[in-house]
Amino acid sequence: MDHRSGQKSAFQYLYPPLDPFDQKVMDVGDGHQIYVEQCGRPDGIPVLVVHGGPGGGCSPAMRRYFDPSVYRIILFDQRGCGRSRPHASIDDNTTWHLVADIEAIRASLGLGQMILFGGSWGATLALIYAITHPENVAHLVLRGVFTMTQTELDWFYGGGAGRFFPDIWGRFVQAIPEVERDDLINAYHRRLFSGNVAEEMRFARLWANWENALASINSNMVAGEGPSEYARAFSRLENHYFVNKGFLAEDGWILKNRHRIERISADIVQGRYDMVCPPISAYQLADGWENARLNMIPLAGHALSEPAISEALVAVMDRLPLR
């Protein structure tokens, strides 16, 4: 039986676990070192996996969406998270630093054009890199699209998603005094960067748990407690980027600059019931982009690990006409 057929588990759709053939830490300047790994076929089609968050880090499961006999699979931890150092640091950590880091990875590995594979914030960063360096991108594979707009932030941190999950939203909101609840991103920012480690960890868990509880359509809406250091890096970095509106020059920057990448082909996989990054963003991104294919997945939410999302992404990579 094919290892991706017939079962409900997301892992049935994925390739077997892989070990990297290369792992290194790159010094990218500004006091930052970023973790980079490669697996699959050393002379294969390069695909760069761009993780979400900001601050999520990459994981071994992310290697498994690609045929290792075809693809040269490159993963990296963005500044401040995962195995990159310094951990949870926001110093010299902006979207434009990350774009420069991706370009540094591409150059150091001697790559020409590459496929970018990213979801959520990973889709955001992939799009921004492609808009900035369109000549270096062969194809985009995007999941759970987030275009870093105020509307999207208002949906998730201003009560939109909370209307569907009032009990979970209540725990997120009630930790903040009522007088500050008109701007929860900034209210959390003050606590995530207070200098009081115990307070920072408490609010880091609250921030991370709100998102994690809504990530999967099959979630029981009770987020487990992840490792403390992961929660601190994820929450501080994500909040830092959101306070600064993604470090973009204007609201709607990605859609306003989409014309720069319309020659690039793209596959967009979007859960119909994604509560973290609602489908309107994927629809607007694809609308009028002749080379983009939007695959709206019924009965699926946001998480990369959802079976229908995993199946669709593996199918995209298996049929790409680039091999």
C-alpha atoms as a PDB file:
ATOM      1  CA  MET A   1       0.000   0.000   0.000  1.00  0.00           C
ATOM      2  CA  ASP A   2       1.279   3.486  -0.787  1.00  0.00           C
ATOM      3  CA  HIS A   3       2.375   5.155   2.442  1.00  0.00           C
ATOM      4  CA  ARG A   4       0.169   8.168   1.720  1.00  0.00           C
ATOM      5  CA  SER A   5      -3.091   6.369   0.921  1.00  0.00           C
ATOM      6  CA  GLY A   6      -6.221   5.401   2.695  1.00  0.00           C
ATOM      7  CA  GLN A   7      -5.768   6.564   6.277  1.00  0.00           C
ATOM      8  CA  LYS A   8      -6.981   9.544   8.261  1.00  0.00           C
ATOM      9  CA  SER A   9      -3.645  10.339   9.909  1.00  0.00           C
ATOM     10  CA  ALA A  10      -1.695  13.219   8.411  1.00  0.00           C
ATOM     11  CA  PHE A  11       1.453  11.071   8.545  1.00  0.00           C
ATOM     12  CA  GLN A  12      -0.038   8.668   6.009  1.00  0.00           C
ATOM     13  CA  TYR A  13       0.386  11.366   3.385  1.00  0.00           C
ATOM     14  CA  LEU A  14       3.988  12.210   4.215  1.00  0.00           C
ATOM     15  CA  TYR A  15       7.288  10.726   3.099  1.00  0.00           C
ATOM     16  CA  PRO A  16       9.238   8.648   5.641  1.00  0.00           C
ATOM     17  CA  PRO A  17      11.363  10.471   8.221  1.00  0.00           C
ATOM     18  CA  LEU A  18      14.646  11.839   6.896  1.00  0.00           C
ATOM     19  CA  ASP A  19      17.985  12.653   8.446  1.00  0.00           C
ATOM     20  CA  PRO A  20      19.849  15.768   7.273  1.00  0.00           C
ATOM     21  CA  PHE A  21      22.949  15.304   5.160  1.00  0.00           C
ATOM     22  CA  ASP A  22      24.154  18.748   6.228  1.00  0.00           C
ATOM     23  CA  GLN A  23      23.604  20.864   9.344  1.00  0.00           C
ATOM     24  CA  LYS A  24      25.279  24.131  10.200  1.00  0.00           C
ATOM     25  CA  VAL A  25      24.963  27.385  12.057  1.00  0.00           C
ATOM     26  CA  MET A  26      25.431  30.458   9.856  1.00  0.00           C
ATOM     27  CA  ASP A  27      26.672  33.755  11.191  1.00  0.00           C
ATOM     28  CA  VAL A  28      24.442  36.355   9.528  1.00  0.00           C
ATOM     29  CA  GLY A  29      25.787  39.375  11.372  1.00  0.00           C
ATOM     30  CA  ASP A  30      24.203  41.639  13.998  1.00  0.00           C
ATOM     31  CA  GLY A  31      25.143  39.063  16.621  1.00  0.00           C
ATOM     32  CA  HIS A  32      22.794  36.427  15.135  1.00  0.00           C
ATOM     33  CA  GLN A  33      23.566  32.846  14.161  1.00  0.00           C
ATOM     34  CA  ILE A  34      20.880  30.888  12.318  1.00  0.00           C
ATOM     35  CA  TYR A  35      20.481  27.124  12.092  1.00  0.00           C
ATOM     36  CA  VAL A  36      20.309  25.653   8.560  1.00  0.00           C
ATOM     37  CA  GLU A  37      19.896  22.021   7.513  1.00  0.00           C
ATOM     38  CA  GLN A  38      19.613  20.088   4.251  1.00  0.00           C
ATOM     39  CA  CYS A  39      18.191  16.663   3.490  1.00  0.00           C
ATOM     40  CA  GLY A  40      16.964  14.699   0.498  1.00  0.00           C
ATOM     41  CA  ARG A  41      18.898  14.730  -2.782  1.00  0.00           C
ATOM     42  CA  PRO A  42      22.015  16.953  -2.716  1.00  0.00           C
ATOM     43  CA  ASP A  43      21.693  17.736  -6.439  1.00  0.00           C
ATOM     44  CA  GLY A  44      17.895  17.861  -6.407  1.00  0.00           C
ATOM     45  CA  ILE A  45      15.450  20.687  -7.004  1.00  0.00           C
ATOM     46  CA  PRO A  46      15.989  23.145  -4.145  1.00  0.00           C
ATOM     47  CA  VAL A  47      12.994  23.852  -1.930  1.00  0.00           C
ATOM     48  CA  LEU A  48      13.355  26.229   1.014  1.00  0.00           C
ATOM     49  CA  VAL A  49      10.902  25.636   3.858  1.00  0.00           C
ATOM     50  CA  VAL A  50       9.863  28.864   5.603  1.00  0.00           C
ATOM     51  CA  HIS A  51       8.363  28.220   9.023  1.00  0.00           C
ATOM     52  CA  GLY A  52       5.600  30.194  10.667  1.00  0.00           C
ATOM     53  CA  GLY A  53       5.224  32.308  13.747  1.00  0.00           C
ATOM     54  CA  PRO A  54       7.198  34.524  13.614  1.00  0.00           C
ATOM     55  CA  GLY A  55       9.131  32.497  16.149  1.00  0.00           C
ATOM     56  CA  GLY A  56       7.815  29.006  15.436  1.00  0.00           C
ATOM     57  CA  GLY A  57      11.044  27.320  14.323  1.00  0.00           C
ATOM     58  CA  CYS A  58      11.330  24.360  11.981  1.00  0.00           C
ATOM     59  CA  SER A  59      10.755  20.704  12.913  1.00  0.00           C
ATOM     60  CA  PRO A  60      11.741  17.296  11.488  1.00  0.00           C
ATOM     61  CA  ALA A  61       8.135  16.744  10.299  1.00  0.00           C
ATOM     62  CA  MET A  62       8.570  19.642   7.856  1.00  0.00           C
ATOM     63  CA  ARG A  63      11.116  17.550   5.909  1.00  0.00           C
ATOM     64  CA  ARG A  64       8.466  15.010   4.999  1.00  0.00           C
ATOM     65  CA  TYR A  65       6.390  16.869   2.404  1.00  0.00           C
ATOM     66  CA  PHE A  66       8.914  16.268  -0.369  1.00  0.00           C
ATOM     67  CA  ASP A  67      10.100  13.268  -2.385  1.00  0.00           C
ATOM     68  CA  PRO A  68      13.703  12.910  -1.161  1.00  0.00           C
ATOM     69  CA  SER A  69      14.756  11.377  -4.486  1.00  0.00           C
ATOM     70  CA  VAL A  70      13.699  14.599  -6.245  1.00  0.00           C
ATOM     71  CA  TYR A  71      14.149  17.532  -3.871  1.00  0.00           C
ATOM     72  CA  ARG A  72      17.025  19.191  -2.047  1.00  0.00           C
ATOM     73  CA  ILE A  73      15.131  20.171   1.107  1.00  0.00           C
ATOM     74  CA  ILE A  74      16.435  23.155   3.061  1.00  0.00           C
ATOM     75  CA  LEU A  75      15.067  24.183   6.460  1.00  0.00           C
ATOM     76  CA  PHE A  76      16.192  26.972   8.731  1.00  0.00           C
ATOM     77  CA  ASP A  77      15.261  28.544  12.040  1.00  0.00           C
ATOM     78  CA  GLN A  78      14.610  32.264  11.715  1.00  0.00           C
ATOM     79  CA  ARG A  79      16.381  34.732  13.990  1.00  0.00           C
ATOM     80  CA  GLY A  80      15.723  34.266  17.672  1.00  0.00           C
ATOM     81  CA  CYS A  81      13.939  30.904  17.593  1.00  0.00           C
ATOM     82  CA  GLY A  82      14.538  27.172  17.370  1.00  0.00           C
ATOM     83  CA  ARG A  83      18.254  26.407  17.279  1.00  0.00           C
ATOM     84  CA  SER A  84      19.195  29.922  16.192  1.00  0.00           C
ATOM     85  CA  ARG A  85      20.862  32.235  18.676  1.00  0.00           C
ATOM     86  CA  PRO A  86      20.484  34.446  20.630  1.00  0.00           C
ATOM     87  CA  HIS A  87      17.222  32.855  21.696  1.00  0.00           C
ATOM     88  CA  ALA A  88      14.053  34.990  21.834  1.00  0.00           C
ATOM     89  CA  SER A  89      16.026  38.096  20.852  1.00  0.00           C
ATOM     90  CA  ILE A  90      14.275  40.927  19.017  1.00  0.00           C
ATOM     91  CA  ASP A  91      17.444  42.946  18.479  1.00  0.00           C
ATOM     92  CA  ASP A  92      18.147  43.408  14.753  1.00  0.00           C
ATOM     93  CA  ASN A  93      15.222  41.098  14.091  1.00  0.00           C
ATOM     94  CA  THR A  94      12.870  42.463  11.419  1.00  0.00           C
ATOM     95  CA  THR A  95      11.255  41.185   8.252  1.00  0.00           C
ATOM     96  CA  TRP A  96      14.035  42.739   6.229  1.00  0.00           C
ATOM     97  CA  HIS A  97      16.715  40.992   8.270  1.00  0.00           C
ATOM     98  CA  LEU A  98      14.919  37.701   7.553  1.00  0.00           C
ATOM     99  CA  VAL A  99      14.708  38.465   3.828  1.00  0.00           C
ATOM    100  CA  ALA A 100      18.454  39.131   3.854  1.00  0.00           C
ATOM    101  CA  ASP A 101      19.023  35.872   5.758  1.00  0.00           C
ATOM    102  CA  ILE A 102      17.124  33.874   3.120  1.00  0.00           C
ATOM    103  CA  GLU A 103      19.236  35.475   0.420  1.00  0.00           C
ATOM    104  CA  ALA A 104      22.384  34.677   2.413  1.00  0.00           C
ATOM    105  CA  ILE A 105      21.302  31.016   2.691  1.00  0.00           C
ATOM    106  CA  ARG A 106      20.624  30.855  -1.051  1.00  0.00           C
ATOM    107  CA  ALA A 107      24.005  32.362  -1.892  1.00  0.00           C
ATOM    108  CA  SER A 108      25.970  30.254   0.611  1.00  0.00           C
ATOM    109  CA  LEU A 109      24.469  27.029  -0.758  1.00  0.00           C
ATOM    110  CA  GLY A 110      25.112  28.053  -4.356  1.00  0.00           C
ATOM    111  CA  LEU A 111      21.463  27.898  -5.357  1.00  0.00           C
ATOM    112  CA  GLY A 112      19.920  29.505  -8.396  1.00  0.00           C
ATOM    113  CA  GLN A 113      16.150  29.659  -8.406  1.00  0.00           C
ATOM    114  CA  MET A 114      14.358  27.808  -5.623  1.00  0.00           C
ATOM    115  CA  ILE A 115      10.868  26.795  -4.602  1.00  0.00           C
ATOM    116  CA  LEU A 116       9.601  28.535  -1.465  1.00  0.00           C
ATOM    117  CA  PHE A 117       7.295  26.467   0.755  1.00  0.00           C
ATOM    118  CA  GLY A 118       5.711  28.411   3.614  1.00  0.00           C
ATOM    119  CA  GLY A 119       2.596  28.561   5.727  1.00  0.00           C
ATOM    120  CA  SER A 120       1.005  31.259   7.883  1.00  0.00           C
ATOM    121  CA  TRP A 121       3.822  33.726   8.687  1.00  0.00           C
ATOM    122  CA  GLY A 122       5.982  31.467   6.497  1.00  0.00           C
ATOM    123  CA  ALA A 123       3.693  32.330   3.577  1.00  0.00           C
ATOM    124  CA  THR A 124       4.020  36.017   4.467  1.00  0.00           C
ATOM    125  CA  LEU A 125       7.806  35.890   4.513  1.00  0.00           C
ATOM    126  CA  ALA A 126       7.946  33.792   1.330  1.00  0.00           C
ATOM    127  CA  LEU A 127       5.807  36.372  -0.467  1.00  0.00           C
ATOM    128  CA  ILE A 128       7.900  39.283   0.800  1.00  0.00           C
ATOM    129  CA  TYR A 129      11.126  37.558  -0.244  1.00  0.00           C
ATOM    130  CA  ALA A 130       9.646  36.779  -3.674  1.00  0.00           C
ATOM    131  CA  ILE A 131       8.499  40.376  -4.162  1.00  0.00           C
ATOM    132  CA  THR A 132      11.981  41.571  -3.196  1.00  0.00           C
ATOM    133  CA  HIS A 133      13.931  38.927  -5.174  1.00  0.00           C
ATOM    134  CA  PRO A 134      11.546  37.629  -7.865  1.00  0.00           C
ATOM    135  CA  GLU A 135      14.415  36.454 -10.060  1.00  0.00           C
ATOM    136  CA  ASN A 136      15.391  33.847  -7.430  1.00  0.00           C
ATOM    137  CA  VAL A 137      11.992  32.152  -7.065  1.00  0.00           C
ATOM    138  CA  ALA A 138      10.884  29.278  -9.303  1.00  0.00           C
ATOM    139  CA  HIS A 139       7.552  28.564  -7.610  1.00  0.00           C
ATOM    140  CA  LEU A 140       5.609  29.393  -4.437  1.00  0.00           C
ATOM    141  CA  VAL A 141       3.738  26.853  -2.326  1.00  0.00           C
ATOM    142  CA  LEU A 142       1.713  28.709   0.299  1.00  0.00           C
ATOM    143  CA  ARG A 143      -0.537  27.428   3.082  1.00  0.00           C
ATOM    144  CA  GLY A 144      -2.840  29.291   5.474  1.00  0.00           C
ATOM    145  CA  VAL A 145      -2.165  32.661   3.884  1.00  0.00           C
ATOM    146  CA  PHE A 146      -1.429  35.659   6.090  1.00  0.00           C
ATOM    147  CA  THR A 147      -0.701  38.971   4.348  1.00  0.00           C
ATOM    148  CA  MET A 148       0.199  41.008   7.445  1.00  0.00           C
ATOM    149  CA  THR A 149      -2.680  43.488   7.321  1.00  0.00           C
ATOM    150  CA  GLN A 150      -4.392  45.331  10.143  1.00  0.00           C
ATOM    151  CA  THR A 151      -7.654  43.594   9.243  1.00  0.00           C
ATOM    152  CA  GLU A 152      -6.064  40.198   9.853  1.00  0.00           C
ATOM    153  CA  LEU A 153      -4.587  41.316  13.177  1.00  0.00           C
ATOM    154  CA  ASP A 154      -7.926  42.783  14.234  1.00  0.00           C
ATOM    155  CA  TRP A 155      -9.647  39.504  13.404  1.00  0.00           C
ATOM    156  CA  PHE A 156      -7.426  37.438  15.660  1.00  0.00           C
ATOM    157  CA  TYR A 157      -6.544  39.918  18.404  1.00  0.00           C
ATOM    158  CA  GLY A 158      -9.525  42.251  18.271  1.00  0.00           C
ATOM    159  CA  GLY A 159     -12.356  39.822  18.963  1.00  0.00           C
ATOM    160  CA  GLY A 160     -13.332  38.427  15.555  1.00  0.00           C
ATOM    161  CA  ALA A 161     -12.135  34.879  16.162  1.00  0.00           C
ATOM    162  CA  GLY A 162     -13.169  35.322  19.787  1.00  0.00           C
ATOM    163  CA  ARG A 163     -16.840  35.418  18.737  1.00  0.00           C
ATOM    164  CA  PHE A 164     -16.510  31.761  17.720  1.00  0.00           C
ATOM    165  CA  PHE A 165     -14.531  30.738  20.810  1.00  0.00           C
ATOM    166  CA  PRO A 166     -15.720  33.017  23.618  1.00  0.00           C
ATOM    167  CA  ASP A 167     -14.512  30.708  26.381  1.00  0.00           C
ATOM    168  CA  ILE A 168     -10.948  30.499  25.008  1.00  0.00           C
ATOM    169  CA  TRP A 169     -10.984  34.204  24.137  1.00  0.00           C
ATOM    170  CA  GLY A 170     -12.091  35.010  27.657  1.00  0.00           C
ATOM    171  CA  ARG A 171      -8.953  33.459  29.146  1.00  0.00           C
ATOM    172  CA  PHE A 172      -6.790  35.450  26.724  1.00  0.00           C
ATOM    173  CA  VAL A 173      -8.538  38.771  27.421  1.00  0.00           C
ATOM    174  CA  GLN A 174      -9.154  38.512  31.148  1.00  0.00           C
ATOM    175  CA  ALA A 175      -5.444  38.458  31.929  1.00  0.00           C
ATOM    176  CA  ILE A 176      -5.348  42.114  30.812  1.00  0.00           C
ATOM    177  CA  PRO A 177      -6.941  44.957  32.814  1.00  0.00           C
ATOM    178  CA  GLU A 178     -10.144  46.187  31.204  1.00  0.00           C
ATOM    179  CA  VAL A 179      -8.704  49.656  30.554  1.00  0.00           C
ATOM    180  CA  GLU A 180      -6.075  48.123  28.196  1.00  0.00           C
ATOM    181  CA  ARG A 181      -8.292  45.713  26.276  1.00  0.00           C
ATOM    182  CA  ASP A 182      -8.835  48.011  23.299  1.00  0.00           C
ATOM    183  CA  ASP A 183      -5.305  47.103  22.098  1.00  0.00           C
ATOM    184  CA  LEU A 184      -4.377  43.607  23.228  1.00  0.00           C
ATOM    185  CA  ILE A 185      -1.267  43.353  21.058  1.00  0.00           C
ATOM    186  CA  ASN A 186       0.317  46.316  22.801  1.00  0.00           C
ATOM    187  CA  ALA A 187      -1.015  45.252  26.198  1.00  0.00           C
ATOM    188  CA  TYR A 188       0.675  41.878  25.822  1.00  0.00           C
ATOM    189  CA  HIS A 189       3.794  43.595  24.473  1.00  0.00           C
ATOM    190  CA  ARG A 190       4.241  45.485  27.731  1.00  0.00           C
ATOM    191  CA  ARG A 191       4.121  42.231  29.675  1.00  0.00           C
ATOM    192  CA  LEU A 192       6.145  40.052  27.308  1.00  0.00           C
ATOM    193  CA  PHE A 193       8.979  42.587  27.518  1.00  0.00           C
ATOM    194  CA  SER A 194       8.569  43.712  31.123  1.00  0.00           C
ATOM    195  CA  GLY A 195      11.923  42.399  32.315  1.00  0.00           C
ATOM    196  CA  ASN A 196      10.156  40.253  34.915  1.00  0.00           C
ATOM    197  CA  VAL A 197      10.889  36.704  33.738  1.00  0.00           C
ATOM    198  CA  ALA A 198       7.990  35.100  35.615  1.00  0.00           C
ATOM    199  CA  GLU A 199       5.541  37.622  34.177  1.00  0.00           C
ATOM    200  CA  GLU A 200       6.994  37.222  30.687  1.00  0.00           C
ATOM    201  CA  MET A 201       6.610  33.430  30.857  1.00  0.00           C
ATOM    202  CA  ARG A 202       3.031  33.651  32.133  1.00  0.00           C
ATOM    203  CA  PHE A 203       1.938  35.941  29.331  1.00  0.00           C
ATOM    204  CA  ALA A 204       3.977  34.020  26.749  1.00  0.00           C
ATOM    205  CA  ARG A 205       1.965  30.897  27.532  1.00  0.00           C
ATOM    206  CA  LEU A 206      -1.319  32.789  27.335  1.00  0.00           C
ATOM    207  CA  TRP A 207      -0.352  34.295  23.966  1.00  0.00           C
ATOM    208  CA  ALA A 208       0.817  30.975  22.500  1.00  0.00           C
ATOM    209  CA  ASN A 209      -2.124  29.001  23.881  1.00  0.00           C
ATOM    210  CA  TRP A 210      -4.694  31.332  22.310  1.00  0.00           C
ATOM    211  CA  GLU A 211      -3.276  30.628  18.841  1.00  0.00           C
ATOM    212  CA  ASN A 212      -2.561  26.937  19.387  1.00  0.00           C
ATOM    213  CA  ALA A 213      -6.071  26.243  20.641  1.00  0.00           C
ATOM    214  CA  LEU A 214      -7.575  27.463  17.362  1.00  0.00           C
ATOM    215  CA  ALA A 215      -5.039  25.974  14.950  1.00  0.00           C
ATOM    216  CA  SER A 216      -6.807  22.726  14.091  1.00  0.00           C
ATOM    217  CA  ILE A 217     -10.421  22.165  13.138  1.00  0.00           C
ATOM    218  CA  ASN A 218     -10.378  18.950  15.189  1.00  0.00           C
ATOM    219  CA  SER A 219      -8.885  20.596  18.257  1.00  0.00           C
ATOM    220  CA  ASN A 220     -10.589  20.077  21.604  1.00  0.00           C
ATOM    221  CA  MET A 221      -9.823  23.795  22.135  1.00  0.00           C
ATOM    222  CA  VAL A 222      -7.621  23.004  25.109  1.00  0.00           C
ATOM    223  CA  ALA A 223      -4.033  23.906  24.306  1.00  0.00           C
ATOM    224  CA  GLY A 224      -1.384  21.842  26.001  1.00  0.00           C
ATOM    225  CA  GLU A 225       1.469  23.597  27.707  1.00  0.00           C
ATOM    226  CA  GLY A 226       4.447  23.611  25.359  1.00  0.00           C
ATOM    227  CA  PRO A 227       8.046  24.001  26.525  1.00  0.00           C
ATOM    228  CA  SER A 228       8.532  27.289  28.342  1.00  0.00           C
ATOM    229  CA  GLU A 229      11.446  28.447  26.214  1.00  0.00           C
ATOM    230  CA  TYR A 230       9.510  27.730  23.024  1.00  0.00           C
ATOM    231  CA  ALA A 231       6.512  29.718  24.281  1.00  0.00           C
ATOM    232  CA  ARG A 232       8.723  32.643  25.270  1.00  0.00           C
ATOM    233  CA  ALA A 233      10.488  32.841  21.885  1.00  0.00           C
ATOM    234  CA  PHE A 234       7.295  32.303  19.885  1.00  0.00           C
ATOM    235  CA  SER A 235       5.241  34.854  21.800  1.00  0.00           C
ATOM    236  CA  ARG A 236       7.888  37.554  22.073  1.00  0.00           C
ATOM    237  CA  LEU A 237       8.884  37.351  18.418  1.00  0.00           C
ATOM    238  CA  GLU A 238       5.336  37.131  17.089  1.00  0.00           C
ATOM    239  CA  ASN A 239       4.218  40.038  19.240  1.00  0.00           C
ATOM    240  CA  HIS A 240       7.303  42.084  18.251  1.00  0.00           C
ATOM    241  CA  TYR A 241       6.474  41.647  14.567  1.00  0.00           C
ATOM    242  CA  PHE A 242       2.796  42.428  15.052  1.00  0.00           C
ATOM    243  CA  VAL A 243       3.431  45.548  17.123  1.00  0.00           C
ATOM    244  CA  ASN A 244       5.575  46.732  14.218  1.00  0.00           C
ATOM    245  CA  LYS A 245       3.023  45.730  11.531  1.00  0.00           C
ATOM    246  CA  GLY A 246       5.495  43.320  10.000  1.00  0.00           C
ATOM    247  CA  PHE A 247       7.953  46.169   9.367  1.00  0.00           C
ATOM    248  CA  LEU A 248       6.167  46.862   6.079  1.00  0.00           C
ATOM    249  CA  ALA A 249       5.957  50.357   4.632  1.00  0.00           C
ATOM    250  CA  GLU A 250       2.150  50.413   4.500  1.00  0.00           C
ATOM    251  CA  ASP A 251      -0.908  48.352   5.252  1.00  0.00           C
ATOM    252  CA  GLY A 252      -1.688  45.957   2.410  1.00  0.00           C
ATOM    253  CA  TRP A 253       1.918  46.067   1.141  1.00  0.00           C
ATOM    254  CA  ILE A 254       1.912  42.484  -0.160  1.00  0.00           C
ATOM    255  CA  LEU A 255      -1.207  42.825  -2.309  1.00  0.00           C
ATOM    256  CA  LYS A 256      -0.089  46.251  -3.538  1.00  0.00           C
ATOM    257  CA  ASN A 257       3.174  44.706  -4.725  1.00  0.00           C
ATOM    258  CA  ARG A 258       1.793  41.437  -6.049  1.00  0.00           C
ATOM    259  CA  HIS A 259       2.393  42.578  -9.624  1.00  0.00           C
ATOM    260  CA  ARG A 260       6.116  41.967  -9.032  1.00  0.00           C
ATOM    261  CA  ILE A 261       5.558  38.213  -8.681  1.00  0.00           C
ATOM    262  CA  GLU A 262       2.687  37.525 -11.057  1.00  0.00           C
ATOM    263  CA  ARG A 263       5.027  35.831 -13.542  1.00  0.00           C
ATOM    264  CA  ILE A 264       5.862  33.281 -10.804  1.00  0.00           C
ATOM    265  CA  SER A 265       3.579  30.260 -10.527  1.00  0.00           C
ATOM    266  CA  ALA A 266       2.022  29.505  -7.152  1.00  0.00           C
ATOM    267  CA  ASP A 267      -0.032  26.848  -5.414  1.00  0.00           C
ATOM    268  CA  ILE A 268      -2.098  28.046  -2.460  1.00  0.00           C
ATOM    269  CA  VAL A 269      -3.571  25.513  -0.023  1.00  0.00           C
ATOM    270  CA  GLN A 270      -6.117  27.017   2.351  1.00  0.00           C
ATOM    271  CA  GLY A 271      -8.355  25.484   4.999  1.00  0.00           C
ATOM    272  CA  ARG A 272     -11.955  26.584   4.492  1.00  0.00           C
ATOM    273  CA  TYR A 273     -12.417  26.872   8.272  1.00  0.00           C
ATOM    274  CA  ASP A 274      -9.063  28.428   9.137  1.00  0.00           C
ATOM    275  CA  MET A 275      -9.765  30.549  12.213  1.00  0.00           C
ATOM    276  CA  VAL A 276      -6.227  31.891  12.545  1.00  0.00           C
ATOM    277  CA  CYS A 277      -5.820  33.104   8.961  1.00  0.00           C
ATOM    278  CA  PRO A 278      -9.307  33.261   7.406  1.00  0.00           C
ATOM    279  CA  PRO A 279      -9.685  32.248   3.732  1.00  0.00           C
ATOM    280  CA  ILE A 280     -10.411  35.789   2.507  1.00  0.00           C
ATOM    281  CA  SER A 281      -6.669  36.519   2.485  1.00  0.00           C
ATOM    282  CA  ALA A 282      -5.875  33.518   0.285  1.00  0.00           C
ATOM    283  CA  TYR A 283      -8.780  34.396  -1.995  1.00  0.00           C
ATOM    284  CA  GLN A 284      -7.676  38.009  -2.378  1.00  0.00           C
ATOM    285  CA  LEU A 285      -4.085  36.960  -3.018  1.00  0.00           C
ATOM    286  CA  ALA A 286      -5.090  34.511  -5.771  1.00  0.00           C
ATOM    287  CA  ASP A 287      -7.803  36.668  -7.337  1.00  0.00           C
ATOM    288  CA  GLY A 288      -6.531  37.932 -10.690  1.00  0.00           C
ATOM    289  CA  TRP A 289      -3.170  36.143 -10.379  1.00  0.00           C
ATOM    290  CA  GLU A 290      -3.244  34.046 -13.526  1.00  0.00           C
ATOM    291  CA  ASN A 291      -0.381  31.776 -12.472  1.00  0.00           C
ATOM    292  CA  ALA A 292      -1.798  31.007  -9.009  1.00  0.00           C
ATOM    293  CA  ARG A 293      -3.936  27.977  -8.188  1.00  0.00           C
ATOM    294  CA  LEU A 294      -6.054  28.207  -5.044  1.00  0.00           C
ATOM    295  CA  ASN A 295      -7.073  24.917  -3.450  1.00  0.00           C
ATOM    296  CA  MET A 296      -9.668  25.554  -0.746  1.00  0.00           C
ATOM    297  CA  ILE A 297      -9.741  22.489   1.511  1.00  0.00           C
ATOM    298  CA  PRO A 298     -13.194  21.638   2.951  1.00  0.00           C
ATOM    299  CA  LEU A 299     -13.420  20.802   6.659  1.00  0.00           C
ATOM    300  CA  ALA A 300      -9.866  21.934   7.365  1.00  0.00           C
ATOM    301  CA  GLY A 301      -8.433  24.620   9.598  1.00  0.00           C
ATOM    302  CA  HIS A 302      -5.013  26.219   9.881  1.00  0.00           C
ATOM    303  CA  ALA A 303      -2.528  23.601  11.015  1.00  0.00           C
ATOM    304  CA  LEU A 304       0.076  22.173   8.672  1.00  0.00           C
ATOM    305  CA  SER A 305      -0.469  18.801  10.346  1.00  0.00           C
ATOM    306  CA  GLU A 306      -4.157  18.471   9.440  1.00  0.00           C
ATOM    307  CA  PRO A 307      -4.567  15.380   7.220  1.00  0.00           C
ATOM    308  CA  ALA A 308      -6.341  17.103   4.332  1.00  0.00           C
ATOM    309  CA  ILE A 309      -3.836  19.971   4.363  1.00  0.00           C
ATOM    310  CA  SER A 310      -0.896  17.555   4.422  1.00  0.00           C
ATOM    311  CA  GLU A 311      -2.392  15.464   1.632  1.00  0.00           C
ATOM    312  CA  ALA A 312      -2.905  18.524  -0.570  1.00  0.00           C
ATOM    313  CA  LEU A 313       0.607  19.855   0.020  1.00  0.00           C
ATOM    314  CA  VAL A 314       2.275  16.510  -0.738  1.00  0.00           C
ATOM    315  CA  ALA A 315       0.150  16.247  -3.896  1.00  0.00           C
ATOM    316  CA  VAL A 316       1.323  19.701  -4.989  1.00  0.00           C
ATOM    317  CA  MET A 317       4.977  18.801  -4.500  1.00  0.00           C
ATOM    318  CA  ASP A 318       4.530  15.436  -6.253  1.00  0.00           C
ATOM    319  CA  ARG A 319       3.039  16.996  -9.386  1.00  0.00           C
ATOM    320  CA  LEU A 320       5.088  20.184  -9.746  1.00  0.00           C
ATOM    321  CA  PRO A 321       6.330  20.331 -13.357  1.00  0.00           C
ATOM    322  CA  LEU A 322       9.831  21.379 -12.339  1.00  0.00           C
ATOM    323  CA  ARG A 323      11.639  18.062 -12.044  1.00  0.00           C
END
